[in-house]
């Protein structure tokens, strides 16, 4: 269980998450949380690496595709982001995850519109 105060620094939280990961290396949520903490620090390179680890380990973790794609967009890797959105749409369709499916479809359309305008 994660216990930190609102005053904990993001670095402290990442360190706590790494400790939890040592105890539970198969916990997809911990991988997701680590990636999101890096994203919150605008460390998109590390965030991207952790989202990729999660995707390889647990491609059915549908919440990762939104955040992974947005991270790739922040790195100006728009084609990779588009592919992640497409993969996420496929996974959400299979898993019948309507909420994440809708969000990914919106992100894909928005990104596609922006890419066409160049």
C-alpha atoms as a PDB file:
ATOM      1  CA  UNK A   1       0.000   0.000   0.000  1.00  0.00           C
ATOM      2  CA  UNK A   2       1.269   3.473  -0.842  1.00  0.00           C
ATOM      3  CA  UNK A   3       1.431   5.953   2.008  1.00  0.00           C
ATOM      4  CA  UNK A   4       2.795   9.402   1.388  1.00  0.00           C
ATOM      5  CA  UNK A   5       1.731  12.838   2.281  1.00  0.00           C
ATOM      6  CA  UNK A   6       0.856  15.602  -0.129  1.00  0.00           C
ATOM      7  CA  UNK A   7       4.154  17.195   0.945  1.00  0.00           C
ATOM      8  CA  UNK A   8       6.228  14.245  -0.269  1.00  0.00           C
ATOM      9  CA  UNK A   9       8.454  15.183  -3.150  1.00  0.00           C
ATOM     10  CA  UNK A  10       8.025  13.353  -6.407  1.00  0.00           C
ATOM     11  CA  UNK A  11      11.548  11.984  -5.991  1.00  0.00           C
ATOM     12  CA  UNK A  12      10.571  10.557  -2.591  1.00  0.00           C
ATOM     13  CA  UNK A  13       7.490   8.978  -4.141  1.00  0.00           C
ATOM     14  CA  UNK A  14       9.525   7.448  -6.974  1.00  0.00           C
ATOM     15  CA  UNK A  15      11.956   5.999  -4.427  1.00  0.00           C
ATOM     16  CA  UNK A  16       9.045   4.556  -2.438  1.00  0.00           C
ATOM     17  CA  UNK A  17       7.609   3.069  -5.622  1.00  0.00           C
ATOM     18  CA  UNK A  18      10.947   1.428  -6.453  1.00  0.00           C
ATOM     19  CA  UNK A  19      10.948  -0.131  -2.984  1.00  0.00           C
ATOM     20  CA  UNK A  20       7.452  -1.464  -3.605  1.00  0.00           C
ATOM     21  CA  UNK A  21       8.512  -2.747  -7.017  1.00  0.00           C
ATOM     22  CA  UNK A  22      11.278  -4.788  -5.371  1.00  0.00           C
ATOM     23  CA  UNK A  23       8.638  -6.412  -3.164  1.00  0.00           C
ATOM     24  CA  UNK A  24       6.084  -6.873  -5.966  1.00  0.00           C
ATOM     25  CA  UNK A  25       7.880  -6.960  -9.331  1.00  0.00           C
ATOM     26  CA  UNK A  26       4.770  -8.201 -11.148  1.00  0.00           C
ATOM     27  CA  UNK A  27       2.521  -5.360 -10.001  1.00  0.00           C
ATOM     28  CA  UNK A  28       1.414  -3.460 -13.105  1.00  0.00           C
ATOM     29  CA  UNK A  29       0.045  -0.574 -11.071  1.00  0.00           C
ATOM     30  CA  UNK A  30       3.475   0.116  -9.571  1.00  0.00           C
ATOM     31  CA  UNK A  31       5.037   0.276 -13.052  1.00  0.00           C
ATOM     32  CA  UNK A  32       2.232   2.612 -14.123  1.00  0.00           C
ATOM     33  CA  UNK A  33       2.730   4.802 -11.042  1.00  0.00           C
ATOM     34  CA  UNK A  34       6.497   5.043 -11.622  1.00  0.00           C
ATOM     35  CA  UNK A  35       5.945   6.084 -15.233  1.00  0.00           C
ATOM     36  CA  UNK A  36       3.380   8.693 -14.168  1.00  0.00           C
ATOM     37  CA  UNK A  37       5.680  10.105 -11.499  1.00  0.00           C
ATOM     38  CA  UNK A  38       8.403  10.611 -14.119  1.00  0.00           C
ATOM     39  CA  UNK A  39       5.820  12.155 -16.431  1.00  0.00           C
ATOM     40  CA  UNK A  40       4.840  14.542 -13.634  1.00  0.00           C
ATOM     41  CA  UNK A  41       8.481  15.597 -13.382  1.00  0.00           C
ATOM     42  CA  UNK A  42       8.492  16.270 -17.145  1.00  0.00           C
ATOM     43  CA  UNK A  43      11.104  13.505 -17.423  1.00  0.00           C
ATOM     44  CA  UNK A  44       9.448  12.125 -20.501  1.00  0.00           C
ATOM     45  CA  UNK A  45      12.378   9.900 -21.492  1.00  0.00           C
ATOM     46  CA  UNK A  46      12.188   7.915 -18.255  1.00  0.00           C
ATOM     47  CA  UNK A  47       8.395   7.981 -18.295  1.00  0.00           C
ATOM     48  CA  UNK A  48       8.439   6.527 -21.797  1.00  0.00           C
ATOM     49  CA  UNK A  49      10.807   3.728 -20.732  1.00  0.00           C
ATOM     50  CA  UNK A  50       8.552   2.753 -17.825  1.00  0.00           C
ATOM     51  CA  UNK A  51       5.389   2.887 -19.914  1.00  0.00           C
ATOM     52  CA  UNK A  52       7.102   0.608 -22.433  1.00  0.00           C
ATOM     53  CA  UNK A  53       8.084  -1.832 -19.655  1.00  0.00           C
ATOM     54  CA  UNK A  54       4.461  -1.913 -18.549  1.00  0.00           C
ATOM     55  CA  UNK A  55       3.186  -2.386 -22.110  1.00  0.00           C
ATOM     56  CA  UNK A  56       5.557  -5.324 -22.659  1.00  0.00           C
ATOM     57  CA  UNK A  57       4.670  -6.882 -19.304  1.00  0.00           C
ATOM     58  CA  UNK A  58       0.922  -6.229 -19.345  1.00  0.00           C
ATOM     59  CA  UNK A  59      -0.473  -5.023 -22.690  1.00  0.00           C
ATOM     60  CA  UNK A  60      -3.981  -5.448 -21.300  1.00  0.00           C
ATOM     61  CA  UNK A  61      -3.442  -2.596 -18.818  1.00  0.00           C
ATOM     62  CA  UNK A  62      -5.555  -0.278 -20.931  1.00  0.00           C
ATOM     63  CA  UNK A  63      -4.944   2.885 -18.908  1.00  0.00           C
ATOM     64  CA  UNK A  64      -1.328   2.978 -20.019  1.00  0.00           C
ATOM     65  CA  UNK A  65      -2.020   3.795 -23.675  1.00  0.00           C
ATOM     66  CA  UNK A  66      -3.425   7.271 -23.021  1.00  0.00           C
ATOM     67  CA  UNK A  67      -0.492   8.308 -20.835  1.00  0.00           C
ATOM     68  CA  UNK A  68       2.153   6.559 -22.944  1.00  0.00           C
ATOM     69  CA  UNK A  69       0.882   8.256 -26.092  1.00  0.00           C
ATOM     70  CA  UNK A  70       0.792  11.685 -24.441  1.00  0.00           C
ATOM     71  CA  UNK A  71       4.350  11.097 -23.201  1.00  0.00           C
ATOM     72  CA  UNK A  72       5.498  10.252 -26.713  1.00  0.00           C
ATOM     73  CA  UNK A  73       3.791  13.386 -27.999  1.00  0.00           C
ATOM     74  CA  UNK A  74       5.716  15.412 -25.408  1.00  0.00           C
ATOM     75  CA  UNK A  75       8.894  13.885 -26.873  1.00  0.00           C
ATOM     76  CA  UNK A  76       7.718  14.930 -30.366  1.00  0.00           C
ATOM     77  CA  UNK A  77       7.431  11.274 -31.358  1.00  0.00           C
ATOM     78  CA  UNK A  78       4.042  11.761 -32.951  1.00  0.00           C
ATOM     79  CA  UNK A  79       4.079   8.739 -35.256  1.00  0.00           C
ATOM     80  CA  UNK A  80       4.968   6.479 -32.318  1.00  0.00           C
ATOM     81  CA  UNK A  81       2.217   8.128 -30.275  1.00  0.00           C
ATOM     82  CA  UNK A  82      -0.269   7.486 -33.070  1.00  0.00           C
ATOM     83  CA  UNK A  83       0.732   3.821 -33.137  1.00  0.00           C
ATOM     84  CA  UNK A  84       0.321   3.560 -29.354  1.00  0.00           C
ATOM     85  CA  UNK A  85      -3.155   5.085 -29.611  1.00  0.00           C
ATOM     86  CA  UNK A  86      -4.034   2.561 -32.329  1.00  0.00           C
ATOM     87  CA  UNK A  87      -2.743  -0.332 -30.213  1.00  0.00           C
ATOM     88  CA  UNK A  88      -4.683   0.987 -27.241  1.00  0.00           C
ATOM     89  CA  UNK A  89      -7.872   1.275 -29.288  1.00  0.00           C
ATOM     90  CA  UNK A  90      -7.464  -2.335 -30.370  1.00  0.00           C
ATOM     91  CA  UNK A  91      -6.834  -3.511 -26.786  1.00  0.00           C
ATOM     92  CA  UNK A  92      -9.736  -1.484 -25.386  1.00  0.00           C
ATOM     93  CA  UNK A  93     -12.030  -2.931 -28.048  1.00  0.00           C
ATOM     94  CA  UNK A  94     -10.996  -6.469 -27.109  1.00  0.00           C
ATOM     95  CA  UNK A  95     -11.379  -5.762 -23.387  1.00  0.00           C
ATOM     96  CA  UNK A  96     -14.603  -3.778 -23.884  1.00  0.00           C
ATOM     97  CA  UNK A  97     -13.099  -0.804 -22.022  1.00  0.00           C
ATOM     98  CA  UNK A  98     -15.456   1.863 -23.355  1.00  0.00           C
ATOM     99  CA  UNK A  99     -14.097   4.779 -21.293  1.00  0.00           C
ATOM    100  CA  UNK A 100     -10.465   4.378 -22.352  1.00  0.00           C
ATOM    101  CA  UNK A 101     -11.530   3.516 -25.894  1.00  0.00           C
ATOM    102  CA  UNK A 102     -13.398   6.808 -26.202  1.00  0.00           C
ATOM    103  CA  UNK A 103     -10.454   8.806 -24.842  1.00  0.00           C
ATOM    104  CA  UNK A 104      -7.984   7.103 -27.183  1.00  0.00           C
ATOM    105  CA  UNK A 105     -10.210   7.655 -30.204  1.00  0.00           C
ATOM    106  CA  UNK A 106     -10.365  11.356 -29.333  1.00  0.00           C
ATOM    107  CA  UNK A 107      -6.573  11.570 -28.908  1.00  0.00           C
ATOM    108  CA  UNK A 108      -5.986   9.739 -32.183  1.00  0.00           C
ATOM    109  CA  UNK A 109      -8.336  12.044 -34.076  1.00  0.00           C
ATOM    110  CA  UNK A 110      -6.765  15.144 -32.507  1.00  0.00           C
ATOM    111  CA  UNK A 111      -3.226  13.970 -33.276  1.00  0.00           C
ATOM    112  CA  UNK A 112      -4.167  12.970 -36.816  1.00  0.00           C
ATOM    113  CA  UNK A 113      -5.687  16.412 -37.403  1.00  0.00           C
ATOM    114  CA  UNK A 114      -2.534  18.102 -36.114  1.00  0.00           C
ATOM    115  CA  UNK A 115      -0.279  15.908 -38.261  1.00  0.00           C
ATOM    116  CA  UNK A 116      -2.359  16.665 -41.371  1.00  0.00           C
ATOM    117  CA  UNK A 117      -2.060  20.385 -40.779  1.00  0.00           C
ATOM    118  CA  UNK A 118       1.726  20.266 -41.275  1.00  0.00           C
END
